[in-house]
Amino acid sequence: MKALFGIVSLLVALAVAGLIAVNQLKAVGKIGTSAATSADAPVAPQMSGSGTVRDQSRELQNKIANDAIKAMNQGAEARKDESEKP
């Protein structure tokens, strides 16, 4: 009886965690009713492939920094848009 109760409670906890995960993914737009297009798919970084490891590392660091700045700007624009709504 104890084992059955343990298994049932584990399944309930798993179901709750699954529902929370689905709600969070829907909130950030990772899953939904519409099919994802190829434009929505993440793209692997395009590296030049030539040069030293140091050059490749610097290029990757610059790309990451630029992406972080772009994401911060998009977040700021989204917050500004939300604050302008009545």
C-alpha atoms as a PDB file:
ATOM      1  CA  MET A   1       0.000   0.000   0.000  1.00  0.00           C
ATOM      2  CA  LYS A   2       2.883   2.328   0.822  1.00  0.00           C
ATOM      3  CA  ALA A   3       4.534   1.632  -2.522  1.00  0.00           C
ATOM      4  CA  LEU A   4       1.299   2.285  -4.420  1.00  0.00           C
ATOM      5  CA  PHE A   5       0.812   5.587  -2.580  1.00  0.00           C
ATOM      6  CA  GLY A   6       4.425   6.551  -3.377  1.00  0.00           C
ATOM      7  CA  ILE A   7       4.021   5.810  -7.080  1.00  0.00           C
ATOM      8  CA  VAL A   8       0.713   7.669  -7.308  1.00  0.00           C
ATOM      9  CA  SER A   9       2.118  10.718  -5.532  1.00  0.00           C
ATOM     10  CA  LEU A  10       5.157  10.679  -7.826  1.00  0.00           C
ATOM     11  CA  LEU A  11       2.902  10.615 -10.886  1.00  0.00           C
ATOM     12  CA  VAL A  12       0.818  13.493  -9.525  1.00  0.00           C
ATOM     13  CA  ALA A  13       3.949  15.548  -8.876  1.00  0.00           C
ATOM     14  CA  LEU A  14       5.197  14.779 -12.394  1.00  0.00           C
ATOM     15  CA  ALA A  15       1.865  15.844 -13.897  1.00  0.00           C
ATOM     16  CA  VAL A  16       1.923  19.133 -11.971  1.00  0.00           C
ATOM     17  CA  ALA A  17       5.503  19.827 -13.062  1.00  0.00           C
ATOM     18  CA  GLY A  18       4.540  19.059 -16.671  1.00  0.00           C
ATOM     19  CA  LEU A  19       1.592  21.448 -16.574  1.00  0.00           C
ATOM     20  CA  ILE A  20       3.752  24.203 -15.125  1.00  0.00           C
ATOM     21  CA  ALA A  21       6.392  23.616 -17.808  1.00  0.00           C
ATOM     22  CA  VAL A  22       3.801  23.785 -20.594  1.00  0.00           C
ATOM     23  CA  ASN A  23       2.364  27.022 -19.202  1.00  0.00           C
ATOM     24  CA  GLN A  24       5.822  28.589 -18.980  1.00  0.00           C
ATOM     25  CA  LEU A  25       6.729  27.540 -22.518  1.00  0.00           C
ATOM     26  CA  LYS A  26       3.470  28.956 -23.842  1.00  0.00           C
ATOM     27  CA  ALA A  27       4.176  32.214 -22.019  1.00  0.00           C
ATOM     28  CA  VAL A  28       7.538  32.682 -23.728  1.00  0.00           C
ATOM     29  CA  GLY A  29       6.182  31.522 -27.088  1.00  0.00           C
ATOM     30  CA  LYS A  30       8.259  28.376 -27.462  1.00  0.00           C
ATOM     31  CA  ILE A  31       5.197  26.188 -28.045  1.00  0.00           C
ATOM     32  CA  GLY A  32       1.728  27.050 -29.167  1.00  0.00           C
ATOM     33  CA  THR A  33      -0.986  26.418 -31.696  1.00  0.00           C
ATOM     34  CA  SER A  34       0.929  27.761 -34.694  1.00  0.00           C
ATOM     35  CA  ALA A  35       3.679  25.770 -36.335  1.00  0.00           C
ATOM     36  CA  ALA A  36       7.187  27.125 -36.018  1.00  0.00           C
ATOM     37  CA  THR A  37       8.711  28.446 -39.201  1.00  0.00           C
ATOM     38  CA  SER A  38      12.295  28.036 -40.233  1.00  0.00           C
ATOM     39  CA  ALA A  39      12.855  31.712 -39.426  1.00  0.00           C
ATOM     40  CA  ASP A  40      11.982  30.990 -35.777  1.00  0.00           C
ATOM     41  CA  ALA A  41      14.550  28.211 -35.508  1.00  0.00           C
ATOM     42  CA  PRO A  42      17.816  29.056 -33.777  1.00  0.00           C
ATOM     43  CA  VAL A  43      20.717  29.544 -36.106  1.00  0.00           C
ATOM     44  CA  ALA A  44      24.208  28.249 -35.428  1.00  0.00           C
ATOM     45  CA  PRO A  45      26.767  31.051 -35.258  1.00  0.00           C
ATOM     46  CA  GLN A  46      28.606  31.657 -38.505  1.00  0.00           C
ATOM     47  CA  MET A  47      32.315  31.738 -37.813  1.00  0.00           C
ATOM     48  CA  SER A  48      34.897  32.630 -40.414  1.00  0.00           C
ATOM     49  CA  GLY A  49      36.848  29.440 -39.740  1.00  0.00           C
ATOM     50  CA  SER A  50      40.122  31.097 -40.630  1.00  0.00           C
ATOM     51  CA  GLY A  51      42.553  32.689 -38.255  1.00  0.00           C
ATOM     52  CA  THR A  52      43.912  31.671 -34.931  1.00  0.00           C
ATOM     53  CA  VAL A  53      41.985  30.411 -31.946  1.00  0.00           C
ATOM     54  CA  ARG A  54      42.441  33.832 -30.385  1.00  0.00           C
ATOM     55  CA  ASP A  55      40.797  35.516 -33.393  1.00  0.00           C
ATOM     56  CA  GLN A  56      37.931  33.031 -33.367  1.00  0.00           C
ATOM     57  CA  SER A  57      37.455  33.541 -29.638  1.00  0.00           C
ATOM     58  CA  ARG A  58      37.428  37.316 -30.020  1.00  0.00           C
ATOM     59  CA  GLU A  59      34.940  37.053 -32.890  1.00  0.00           C
ATOM     60  CA  LEU A  60      32.644  34.846 -30.799  1.00  0.00           C
ATOM     61  CA  GLN A  61      32.904  37.190 -27.806  1.00  0.00           C
ATOM     62  CA  ASN A  62      32.003  40.164 -29.995  1.00  0.00           C
ATOM     63  CA  LYS A  63      29.030  38.293 -31.442  1.00  0.00           C
ATOM     64  CA  ILE A  64      27.780  37.381 -27.972  1.00  0.00           C
ATOM     65  CA  ALA A  65      28.198  40.957 -26.766  1.00  0.00           C
ATOM     66  CA  ASN A  66      26.303  42.290 -29.788  1.00  0.00           C
ATOM     67  CA  ASP A  67      23.528  39.734 -29.267  1.00  0.00           C
ATOM     68  CA  ALA A  68      23.253  40.695 -25.587  1.00  0.00           C
ATOM     69  CA  ILE A  69      22.984  44.387 -26.480  1.00  0.00           C
ATOM     70  CA  LYS A  70      20.353  43.592 -29.101  1.00  0.00           C
ATOM     71  CA  ALA A  71      18.330  41.540 -26.592  1.00  0.00           C
ATOM     72  CA  MET A  72      18.519  44.302 -23.982  1.00  0.00           C
ATOM     73  CA  ASN A  73      17.329  46.861 -26.531  1.00  0.00           C
ATOM     74  CA  GLN A  74      14.424  44.626 -27.537  1.00  0.00           C
ATOM     75  CA  GLY A  75      13.466  44.225 -23.873  1.00  0.00           C
ATOM     76  CA  ALA A  76      13.592  47.964 -23.320  1.00  0.00           C
ATOM     77  CA  GLU A  77      11.394  48.549 -26.377  1.00  0.00           C
ATOM     78  CA  ALA A  78       8.895  45.939 -25.183  1.00  0.00           C
ATOM     79  CA  ARG A  79       8.699  47.551 -21.733  1.00  0.00           C
ATOM     80  CA  LYS A  80       8.261  50.968 -23.335  1.00  0.00           C
ATOM     81  CA  ASP A  81       5.457  49.604 -25.517  1.00  0.00           C
ATOM     82  CA  GLU A  82       3.752  48.037 -22.482  1.00  0.00           C
ATOM     83  CA  SER A  83       3.929  51.270 -20.514  1.00  0.00           C
ATOM     84  CA  GLU A  84       2.346  53.228 -23.366  1.00  0.00           C
ATOM     85  CA  LYS A  85      -0.731  50.966 -23.452  1.00  0.00           C
ATOM     86  CA  PRO A  86      -3.742  52.337 -21.579  1.00  0.00           C
END
